[in-house]
Amino acid sequence: MCRRAEWEAAEAAGAYHGSSQDIADGFIHFSDSEQIVASAAKHRAGQDGLVLIAVDPDVLGDALKWEQSRGGALFPHLYGALKTGDVTSVRDLPLGPDGLHQFPPL
């Protein structure tokens, strides 16, 4: 997930290089479908104007590494830019009345 404006800039450029946090860490933080809701609550709480980006991990090849993160869970990290052509869907991730992100069926 990322800010809509960041994704629109990536579409114009043909690749997403990550958020400022991703760039500082040296990889793009990904979450799988079982992790994304908790990731949104932890890292993007209350943020509006986000989009949910889906990618087939097999397309990313060796650039995608599963690495240990919080609580020992393995999270996918992309070492390199995400080509916009590798994305399977981009959907709005609005905030609900309770302030939590409303996820589409994953």
N, C-alpha and C. Protein backbone atom coordinates (compact mmCIF):
# COMPACT_ATOMS: atom_id res chain seq x y z
N MET A 1 0.85 -1.17 0.00
CA MET A 1 0.00 0.00 0.00
C MET A 1 0.89 1.23 0.00
N CYS A 2 0.37 2.26 -0.59
CA CYS A 2 1.10 3.52 -0.58
C CYS A 2 0.11 4.67 -0.79
N ARG A 3 0.62 5.87 -0.71
CA ARG A 3 -0.22 7.04 -0.96
C ARG A 3 -0.58 7.08 -2.44
N ARG A 4 -1.80 7.47 -2.72
CA ARG A 4 -2.28 7.54 -4.09
C ARG A 4 -1.36 8.43 -4.95
N ALA A 5 -0.95 9.56 -4.43
CA ALA A 5 -0.08 10.47 -5.18
C ALA A 5 1.25 9.82 -5.52
N GLU A 6 1.79 9.02 -4.60
CA GLU A 6 3.04 8.31 -4.87
C GLU A 6 2.84 7.30 -5.99
N TRP A 7 1.71 6.62 -5.98
CA TRP A 7 1.45 5.63 -7.02
C TRP A 7 1.23 6.29 -8.36
N GLU A 8 0.52 7.42 -8.39
CA GLU A 8 0.30 8.13 -9.65
C GLU A 8 1.64 8.58 -10.24
N ALA A 9 2.56 9.03 -9.39
CA ALA A 9 3.90 9.41 -9.87
C ALA A 9 4.64 8.18 -10.41
N ALA A 10 4.47 7.04 -9.74
CA ALA A 10 5.11 5.80 -10.19
C ALA A 10 4.56 5.38 -11.55
N GLU A 11 3.26 5.50 -11.74
CA GLU A 11 2.67 5.13 -13.03
C GLU A 11 3.24 6.00 -14.15
N ALA A 12 3.42 7.27 -13.87
CA ALA A 12 3.98 8.18 -14.88
C ALA A 12 5.43 7.80 -15.21
N ALA A 13 6.16 7.33 -14.19
CA ALA A 13 7.57 6.98 -14.35
C ALA A 13 7.79 5.54 -14.80
N GLY A 14 6.77 4.70 -14.60
CA GLY A 14 6.89 3.29 -14.96
C GLY A 14 7.39 2.39 -13.84
N ALA A 15 7.72 2.99 -12.68
CA ALA A 15 8.22 2.19 -11.55
C ALA A 15 8.00 2.93 -10.24
N TYR A 16 7.77 2.14 -9.19
CA TYR A 16 7.63 2.67 -7.83
C TYR A 16 8.90 2.33 -7.07
N HIS A 17 9.52 3.35 -6.50
CA HIS A 17 10.78 3.15 -5.77
C HIS A 17 10.59 3.10 -4.26
N GLY A 18 9.35 3.22 -3.81
CA GLY A 18 9.05 3.09 -2.40
C GLY A 18 8.82 4.42 -1.71
N SER A 19 8.33 4.31 -0.49
CA SER A 19 8.12 5.48 0.36
C SER A 19 9.47 5.96 0.89
N SER A 20 9.45 7.06 1.60
CA SER A 20 10.70 7.54 2.20
C SER A 20 11.25 6.51 3.19
N GLN A 21 10.38 5.80 3.89
CA GLN A 21 10.83 4.75 4.82
C GLN A 21 11.46 3.58 4.05
N ASP A 22 10.83 3.20 2.95
CA ASP A 22 11.38 2.12 2.12
C ASP A 22 12.78 2.49 1.63
N ILE A 23 12.91 3.70 1.13
CA ILE A 23 14.20 4.15 0.60
C ILE A 23 15.25 4.15 1.69
N ALA A 24 14.89 4.60 2.89
CA ALA A 24 15.83 4.59 4.02
C ALA A 24 16.24 3.17 4.39
N ASP A 25 15.30 2.21 4.30
CA ASP A 25 15.58 0.82 4.67
C ASP A 25 16.27 0.03 3.56
N GLY A 26 16.24 0.53 2.34
CA GLY A 26 16.92 -0.14 1.23
C GLY A 26 16.08 -1.18 0.52
N PHE A 27 14.79 -1.24 0.81
CA PHE A 27 13.88 -2.18 0.14
C PHE A 27 12.46 -1.67 0.29
N ILE A 28 11.57 -2.18 -0.56
CA ILE A 28 10.15 -1.84 -0.47
C ILE A 28 9.48 -2.87 0.43
N HIS A 29 8.82 -2.39 1.48
CA HIS A 29 8.10 -3.27 2.40
C HIS A 29 6.82 -3.77 1.74
N PHE A 30 6.65 -5.05 1.71
CA PHE A 30 5.43 -5.68 1.23
C PHE A 30 4.80 -6.41 2.41
N SER A 31 3.53 -6.78 2.24
CA SER A 31 2.82 -7.66 3.17
C SER A 31 2.03 -8.64 2.33
N ASP A 32 1.84 -9.85 2.85
CA ASP A 32 0.96 -10.77 2.13
C ASP A 32 -0.48 -10.51 2.55
N SER A 33 -1.41 -11.22 1.96
CA SER A 33 -2.83 -10.96 2.23
C SER A 33 -3.23 -11.22 3.68
N GLU A 34 -2.47 -12.02 4.39
CA GLU A 34 -2.76 -12.28 5.80
C GLU A 34 -2.13 -11.24 6.72
N GLN A 35 -1.18 -10.47 6.23
CA GLN A 35 -0.45 -9.49 7.03
C GLN A 35 -0.90 -8.05 6.82
N ILE A 36 -1.54 -7.77 5.70
CA ILE A 36 -1.74 -6.39 5.28
C ILE A 36 -2.64 -5.59 6.22
N VAL A 37 -3.66 -6.19 6.78
CA VAL A 37 -4.56 -5.44 7.67
C VAL A 37 -3.80 -4.98 8.91
N ALA A 38 -3.02 -5.86 9.51
CA ALA A 38 -2.22 -5.48 10.69
C ALA A 38 -1.14 -4.46 10.32
N SER A 39 -0.55 -4.59 9.14
CA SER A 39 0.46 -3.63 8.69
C SER A 39 -0.15 -2.25 8.51
N ALA A 40 -1.34 -2.19 7.93
CA ALA A 40 -2.01 -0.90 7.75
C ALA A 40 -2.31 -0.26 9.10
N ALA A 41 -2.79 -1.06 10.04
CA ALA A 41 -3.11 -0.52 11.37
C ALA A 41 -1.86 -0.04 12.09
N LYS A 42 -0.75 -0.73 11.90
CA LYS A 42 0.48 -0.36 12.60
C LYS A 42 1.21 0.81 11.95
N HIS A 43 1.28 0.82 10.63
CA HIS A 43 2.12 1.80 9.93
C HIS A 43 1.36 2.92 9.23
N ARG A 44 0.08 2.74 9.00
CA ARG A 44 -0.69 3.75 8.24
C ARG A 44 -1.99 4.14 8.93
N ALA A 45 -2.05 3.96 10.24
CA ALA A 45 -3.27 4.25 11.00
C ALA A 45 -3.76 5.67 10.72
N GLY A 46 -5.04 5.78 10.37
CA GLY A 46 -5.67 7.08 10.17
C GLY A 46 -5.29 7.79 8.88
N GLN A 47 -4.43 7.20 8.05
CA GLN A 47 -4.02 7.85 6.80
C GLN A 47 -5.06 7.61 5.71
N ASP A 48 -5.50 8.69 5.13
CA ASP A 48 -6.45 8.61 4.02
C ASP A 48 -5.68 8.75 2.71
N GLY A 49 -6.32 8.45 1.61
CA GLY A 49 -5.70 8.61 0.31
C GLY A 49 -4.70 7.54 -0.04
N LEU A 50 -4.90 6.33 0.49
CA LEU A 50 -4.01 5.21 0.20
C LEU A 50 -4.60 4.32 -0.88
N VAL A 51 -3.71 3.60 -1.55
CA VAL A 51 -4.14 2.56 -2.49
C VAL A 51 -3.50 1.24 -2.08
N LEU A 52 -4.21 0.18 -2.37
CA LEU A 52 -3.75 -1.17 -2.10
C LEU A 52 -3.27 -1.77 -3.43
N ILE A 53 -2.02 -2.15 -3.46
CA ILE A 53 -1.39 -2.64 -4.69
C ILE A 53 -1.17 -4.13 -4.56
N ALA A 54 -1.60 -4.88 -5.56
CA ALA A 54 -1.41 -6.34 -5.56
C ALA A 54 -0.41 -6.72 -6.64
N VAL A 55 0.44 -7.69 -6.30
CA VAL A 55 1.47 -8.17 -7.21
C VAL A 55 1.57 -9.69 -7.07
N ASP A 56 1.76 -10.37 -8.17
CA ASP A 56 2.05 -11.80 -8.13
C ASP A 56 3.51 -11.94 -7.72
N PRO A 57 3.79 -12.52 -6.56
CA PRO A 57 5.18 -12.59 -6.09
C PRO A 57 6.10 -13.35 -7.04
N ASP A 58 5.58 -14.29 -7.80
CA ASP A 58 6.42 -15.07 -8.71
C ASP A 58 7.03 -14.19 -9.82
N VAL A 59 6.34 -13.13 -10.17
CA VAL A 59 6.82 -12.22 -11.22
C VAL A 59 8.06 -11.46 -10.76
N LEU A 60 8.19 -11.25 -9.46
CA LEU A 60 9.28 -10.43 -8.93
C LEU A 60 10.60 -11.19 -8.82
N GLY A 61 10.55 -12.50 -8.90
CA GLY A 61 11.76 -13.31 -8.90
C GLY A 61 12.61 -13.15 -7.66
N ASP A 62 13.93 -13.20 -7.86
CA ASP A 62 14.89 -13.17 -6.75
C ASP A 62 14.96 -11.83 -6.04
N ALA A 63 14.38 -10.78 -6.62
CA ALA A 63 14.39 -9.46 -5.97
C ALA A 63 13.50 -9.43 -4.74
N LEU A 64 12.55 -10.39 -4.64
CA LEU A 64 11.66 -10.47 -3.49
C LEU A 64 12.24 -11.45 -2.48
N LYS A 65 12.52 -10.97 -1.31
CA LYS A 65 13.09 -11.79 -0.23
C LYS A 65 12.11 -11.83 0.94
N TRP A 66 11.92 -13.01 1.49
CA TRP A 66 11.10 -13.16 2.70
C TRP A 66 12.04 -13.11 3.89
N GLU A 67 11.87 -12.08 4.73
CA GLU A 67 12.80 -11.85 5.84
C GLU A 67 12.04 -11.69 7.14
N GLN A 68 12.72 -12.09 8.19
CA GLN A 68 12.13 -12.04 9.52
C GLN A 68 11.92 -10.60 9.96
N SER A 69 10.76 -10.36 10.54
CA SER A 69 10.40 -9.03 11.01
C SER A 69 9.74 -9.16 12.37
N ARG A 70 8.80 -8.28 12.64
CA ARG A 70 8.19 -8.24 13.97
C ARG A 70 7.63 -9.60 14.39
N GLY A 71 7.89 -9.95 15.60
CA GLY A 71 7.38 -11.19 16.15
C GLY A 71 7.90 -12.44 15.46
N GLY A 72 8.96 -12.30 14.71
CA GLY A 72 9.54 -13.45 14.04
C GLY A 72 8.86 -13.83 12.74
N ALA A 73 7.79 -13.11 12.37
CA ALA A 73 7.08 -13.42 11.13
C ALA A 73 7.94 -13.07 9.92
N LEU A 74 7.76 -13.81 8.85
CA LEU A 74 8.46 -13.52 7.60
C LEU A 74 7.63 -12.55 6.77
N PHE A 75 8.27 -11.46 6.35
CA PHE A 75 7.61 -10.46 5.50
C PHE A 75 8.35 -10.35 4.18
N PRO A 76 7.62 -10.11 3.09
CA PRO A 76 8.27 -9.94 1.80
C PRO A 76 8.85 -8.54 1.65
N HIS A 77 10.09 -8.47 1.20
CA HIS A 77 10.78 -7.21 0.95
C HIS A 77 11.29 -7.23 -0.47
N LEU A 78 11.00 -6.17 -1.23
CA LEU A 78 11.44 -6.09 -2.62
C LEU A 78 12.69 -5.23 -2.69
N TYR A 79 13.77 -5.84 -3.14
CA TYR A 79 15.05 -5.15 -3.31
C TYR A 79 15.12 -4.67 -4.76
N GLY A 80 14.74 -3.44 -4.96
CA GLY A 80 14.68 -2.84 -6.29
C GLY A 80 13.34 -2.19 -6.49
N ALA A 81 13.19 -1.56 -7.63
CA ALA A 81 11.95 -0.87 -7.94
C ALA A 81 10.85 -1.86 -8.34
N LEU A 82 9.62 -1.48 -8.08
CA LEU A 82 8.46 -2.24 -8.52
C LEU A 82 8.01 -1.66 -9.86
N LYS A 83 8.14 -2.44 -10.90
CA LYS A 83 7.68 -2.00 -12.21
C LYS A 83 6.16 -1.98 -12.21
N THR A 84 5.59 -0.88 -12.67
CA THR A 84 4.14 -0.76 -12.64
C THR A 84 3.46 -1.84 -13.50
N GLY A 85 4.15 -2.33 -14.51
CA GLY A 85 3.60 -3.40 -15.34
C GLY A 85 3.50 -4.74 -14.63
N ASP A 86 4.18 -4.88 -13.50
CA ASP A 86 4.13 -6.11 -12.72
C ASP A 86 2.95 -6.15 -11.75
N VAL A 87 2.23 -5.06 -11.65
CA VAL A 87 1.13 -4.94 -10.70
C VAL A 87 -0.15 -5.53 -11.29
N THR A 88 -0.84 -6.34 -10.50
CA THR A 88 -2.07 -6.97 -10.98
C THR A 88 -3.32 -6.15 -10.67
N SER A 89 -3.29 -5.34 -9.61
CA SER A 89 -4.43 -4.46 -9.31
C SER A 89 -4.00 -3.34 -8.38
N VAL A 90 -4.71 -2.23 -8.50
CA VAL A 90 -4.55 -1.08 -7.62
C VAL A 90 -5.96 -0.67 -7.21
N ARG A 91 -6.23 -0.71 -5.90
CA ARG A 91 -7.57 -0.39 -5.41
C ARG A 91 -7.48 0.65 -4.30
N ASP A 92 -8.47 1.52 -4.24
CA ASP A 92 -8.52 2.50 -3.16
C ASP A 92 -8.63 1.78 -1.82
N LEU A 93 -8.04 2.39 -0.81
CA LEU A 93 -8.07 1.85 0.55
C LEU A 93 -8.61 2.94 1.48
N PRO A 94 -9.93 3.14 1.44
CA PRO A 94 -10.52 4.25 2.21
C PRO A 94 -10.58 3.96 3.71
N LEU A 95 -10.75 5.03 4.45
CA LEU A 95 -10.98 4.91 5.89
C LEU A 95 -12.47 4.78 6.13
N GLY A 96 -12.85 3.91 7.05
CA GLY A 96 -14.24 3.78 7.44
C GLY A 96 -14.58 4.79 8.52
N PRO A 97 -15.84 4.82 8.93
CA PRO A 97 -16.27 5.75 9.97
C PRO A 97 -15.55 5.52 11.31
N ASP A 98 -15.03 4.31 11.49
CA ASP A 98 -14.31 3.99 12.72
C ASP A 98 -12.83 4.37 12.65
N GLY A 99 -12.40 4.93 11.49
CA GLY A 99 -11.01 5.34 11.32
C GLY A 99 -10.09 4.23 10.85
N LEU A 100 -10.65 3.03 10.65
CA LEU A 100 -9.85 1.91 10.17
C LEU A 100 -10.00 1.79 8.65
N HIS A 101 -8.98 1.26 8.00
CA HIS A 101 -9.03 1.08 6.56
C HIS A 101 -10.04 -0.01 6.22
N GLN A 102 -10.78 0.24 5.15
CA GLN A 102 -11.77 -0.72 4.67
C GLN A 102 -11.16 -1.48 3.50
N PHE A 103 -10.83 -2.73 3.76
CA PHE A 103 -10.18 -3.57 2.77
C PHE A 103 -11.20 -4.26 1.87
N PRO A 104 -10.87 -4.32 0.58
CA PRO A 104 -11.70 -5.14 -0.30
C PRO A 104 -11.42 -6.60 0.01
N PRO A 105 -12.23 -7.51 -0.53
CA PRO A 105 -11.91 -8.94 -0.34
C PRO A 105 -10.50 -9.22 -0.87
N LEU A 106 -9.72 -9.93 -0.07
CA LEU A 106 -8.33 -10.22 -0.45
C LEU A 106 -8.20 -11.63 -0.98
